[in-house]
Amino acid sequence: MSKKVLIISTSIRPNSNSELLANAFADGARESGNVAELVSLKDKTISFCKGCLACQKLGRCVINDDANEITEKLLNAEVVVWATPIYYYEMSGQMKTMIDRANSLYSQDYQFRDVFLLMTAAEDEEYVDEGACKGLQGWIDCFEKTQFAGKIFAGGYDTPKSIEGSDKLKKAYEMGKAI
């Protein structure tokens, strides 16, 4: 059965390695018959959460920017995939800001059950992705019907497109195909 897959690429760098991972995941998901949409935060306007909690009553944020449209896509997706570069051993600020702005989802009938994380970094030590994984797990823990379904960490890629030809792209494709 076909699933609705939302892939959010949070890098704002052109030709970013994390976006290439996101594209590979999307290609794999489509190959197996799923509907996969890739949303890039690159050209989006997303303001910081004000912490007013009005979204819990309204079902959407009071700030009128691109985050509301992305949150609506999150609400209706069955699978969510976050793709981020690792900055200072943590997810990108753009990703964290989007997660914060999706606060209205807590009080709604969200559809996503599986959440994946795709990460790239210049550093390639095993622990480099721990902060990003922990941060995303904190978000996932707020959704009782949702689970952390998988991750790919690709370290050692510090320039745009340097991941091309890597087995990590094939792994992202296969992960997407297996949904």
Protein backbone atom coordinates (compact mmCIF):
# COMPACT_ATOMS: atom_id res chain seq x y z
CA MET A 1 0.00 0.00 0.00
CA SER A 2 1.29 3.42 -0.98
CA LYS A 3 2.32 5.81 1.78
CA LYS A 4 2.47 9.59 1.82
CA VAL A 5 6.10 10.50 2.57
CA LEU A 6 7.24 14.02 3.47
CA ILE A 7 10.96 14.71 3.29
CA ILE A 8 12.12 18.01 4.76
CA SER A 9 15.55 19.16 3.64
CA THR A 10 16.78 21.69 6.17
CA SER A 11 20.07 22.77 4.60
CA ILE A 12 20.17 26.22 3.05
CA ARG A 13 23.40 25.55 1.15
CA PRO A 14 23.05 24.99 -2.62
CA ASN A 15 23.93 21.42 -3.67
CA SER A 16 24.16 20.32 -0.04
CA ASN A 17 25.12 16.79 0.84
CA SER A 18 22.12 16.35 3.15
CA GLU A 19 19.77 17.38 0.34
CA LEU A 20 21.40 14.81 -1.92
CA LEU A 21 20.63 12.19 0.75
CA ALA A 22 17.05 13.49 0.86
CA ASN A 23 16.72 13.20 -2.92
CA ALA A 24 18.05 9.63 -2.85
CA PHE A 25 15.54 8.69 -0.12
CA ALA A 26 12.73 10.28 -2.14
CA ASP A 27 13.77 8.38 -5.27
CA GLY A 28 13.71 5.09 -3.37
CA ALA A 29 10.32 5.84 -1.81
CA ARG A 30 8.85 6.68 -5.22
CA GLU A 31 10.42 3.58 -6.77
CA SER A 32 8.42 1.40 -4.39
CA GLY A 33 5.15 3.19 -5.21
CA ASN A 34 4.93 5.76 -2.45
CA VAL A 35 4.01 9.39 -2.89
CA ALA A 36 7.09 11.31 -1.79
CA GLU A 37 7.28 15.08 -1.52
CA LEU A 38 10.53 16.86 -0.80
CA VAL A 39 10.26 20.28 0.83
CA SER A 40 13.39 22.38 1.09
CA LEU A 41 13.68 25.06 3.75
CA LYS A 42 16.23 26.84 1.54
CA ASP A 43 13.90 29.58 0.30
CA LYS A 44 11.34 29.52 3.09
CA THR A 45 10.58 32.20 5.64
CA ILE A 46 10.24 30.56 9.05
CA SER A 47 10.24 32.75 12.13
CA PHE A 48 11.07 31.61 15.63
CA CYS A 49 8.30 30.22 17.84
CA LYS A 50 7.03 32.84 20.31
CA GLY A 51 5.96 30.26 22.89
CA CYS A 52 2.45 31.71 23.11
CA LEU A 53 0.78 28.28 22.76
CA ALA A 54 -2.11 29.78 20.77
CA CYS A 55 -1.47 27.02 18.22
CA GLN A 56 -2.82 24.48 20.70
CA LYS A 57 -6.25 26.11 20.51
CA LEU A 58 -6.18 27.32 16.91
CA GLY A 59 -4.60 24.22 15.32
CA ARG A 60 -2.08 26.44 13.53
CA CYS A 61 0.53 29.02 14.42
CA VAL A 62 -0.44 32.70 14.67
CA ILE A 63 2.72 33.67 12.78
CA ASN A 64 1.81 33.83 9.11
CA ASP A 65 4.82 32.45 7.25
CA ASP A 66 5.89 29.28 5.43
CA ALA A 67 5.94 27.15 8.60
CA ASN A 68 2.14 26.79 8.62
CA GLU A 69 2.09 25.22 5.15
CA ILE A 70 4.91 22.82 6.09
CA THR A 71 3.17 21.92 9.36
CA GLU A 72 0.01 21.07 7.40
CA LYS A 73 2.09 18.76 5.22
CA LEU A 74 3.55 17.16 8.37
CA LEU A 75 0.05 16.65 9.75
CA ASN A 76 -1.04 14.67 6.69
CA ALA A 77 2.15 12.70 6.02
CA GLU A 78 2.36 9.05 7.06
CA VAL A 79 6.16 9.05 7.03
CA VAL A 80 8.35 12.04 7.93
CA VAL A 81 11.99 12.29 6.95
CA TRP A 82 14.23 15.08 8.23
CA ALA A 83 17.49 15.74 6.36
CA THR A 84 20.02 18.00 8.06
CA PRO A 85 23.63 18.98 8.06
CA ILE A 86 25.26 18.62 11.46
CA TYR A 87 26.48 21.93 12.85
CA TYR A 88 28.41 21.83 16.12
CA TYR A 89 27.26 18.26 16.77
CA GLU A 90 23.58 19.13 16.48
CA MET A 91 20.79 19.48 13.91
CA SER A 92 20.72 22.67 11.87
CA GLY A 93 19.04 25.70 13.40
CA GLN A 94 16.55 25.69 10.53
CA MET A 95 15.45 22.18 11.46
CA LYS A 96 15.08 23.01 15.15
CA THR A 97 13.09 26.15 14.32
CA MET A 98 10.74 24.18 12.06
CA ILE A 99 10.27 21.52 14.75
CA ASP A 100 9.40 24.26 17.27
CA ARG A 101 6.95 25.86 14.85
CA ALA A 102 5.16 22.55 14.30
CA ASN A 103 3.93 22.68 17.91
CA SER A 104 0.30 22.76 16.75
CA LEU A 105 0.59 19.09 15.76
CA TYR A 106 0.49 17.96 19.40
CA SER A 107 -3.23 18.66 19.72
CA GLN A 108 -4.19 17.33 16.28
CA ASP A 109 -4.82 13.96 14.66
CA TYR A 110 -1.40 13.67 13.02
CA GLN A 111 -0.92 10.77 10.58
CA PHE A 112 2.82 10.15 10.76
CA ARG A 113 4.00 6.98 12.45
CA ASP A 114 7.57 6.58 11.22
CA VAL A 115 10.21 9.30 11.40
CA PHE A 116 13.63 9.03 9.75
CA LEU A 117 16.73 11.21 10.07
CA LEU A 118 19.34 11.78 7.34
CA MET A 119 22.49 13.63 8.40
CA THR A 120 25.77 14.78 6.91
CA ALA A 121 28.78 16.36 8.55
CA ALA A 122 32.37 17.31 7.90
CA GLU A 123 33.44 15.26 10.92
CA ASP A 124 33.18 11.50 10.63
CA GLU A 125 33.53 10.19 14.20
CA GLU A 126 30.73 7.86 15.33
CA TYR A 127 29.44 10.26 18.01
CA VAL A 128 28.97 13.26 15.70
CA ASP A 129 25.26 12.58 15.13
CA GLU A 130 24.29 11.89 18.76
CA GLY A 131 23.04 15.41 19.52
CA ALA A 132 20.83 15.55 16.43
CA CYS A 133 19.42 12.08 17.13
CA LYS A 134 18.68 13.01 20.74
CA GLY A 135 17.02 16.28 19.70
CA LEU A 136 14.79 14.57 17.16
CA GLN A 137 13.97 11.78 19.62
CA GLY A 138 12.71 14.45 22.03
CA TRP A 139 10.27 15.63 19.36
CA ILE A 140 9.21 12.07 18.49
CA ASP A 141 8.62 11.26 22.17
CA CYS A 142 5.84 13.87 22.20
CA PHE A 143 3.85 11.82 19.67
CA GLU A 144 2.77 8.55 21.27
CA LYS A 145 1.83 6.89 17.95
CA THR A 146 5.20 7.70 16.38
CA GLN A 147 8.58 5.98 16.35
CA PHE A 148 12.14 6.76 15.29
CA ALA A 149 12.30 4.40 12.31
CA GLY A 150 15.88 4.85 11.11
CA LYS A 151 18.83 7.09 10.42
CA ILE A 152 21.72 7.53 8.08
CA PHE A 153 24.78 9.46 9.16
CA ALA A 154 27.28 10.40 6.47
CA GLY A 155 30.39 11.92 7.98
CA GLY A 156 33.47 13.23 6.21
CA TYR A 157 31.67 15.37 3.63
CA ASP A 158 32.58 19.03 3.97
CA THR A 159 32.04 20.56 0.54
CA PRO A 160 28.90 20.71 -1.62
CA LYS A 161 28.25 17.53 -3.61
CA SER A 162 31.21 15.73 -2.03
CA ILE A 163 28.86 12.88 -1.09
CA GLU A 164 28.29 12.04 -4.77
CA GLY A 165 29.37 8.48 -5.49
CA SER A 166 29.14 7.53 -1.80
CA ASP A 167 27.51 4.31 -0.64
CA LYS A 168 25.49 6.52 1.76
CA LEU A 169 23.36 7.71 -1.17
CA LYS A 170 22.59 4.10 -2.07
CA LYS A 171 21.72 3.42 1.58
CA ALA A 172 19.32 6.39 1.60
CA TYR A 173 17.75 5.14 -1.63
CA GLU A 174 17.33 1.64 -0.19
CA MET A 175 15.90 3.02 3.07
CA GLY A 176 13.33 5.00 1.10
CA LYS A 177 12.53 2.00 -1.08
CA ALA A 178 11.92 -0.18 2.00
CA ILE A 179 9.08 1.99 3.34
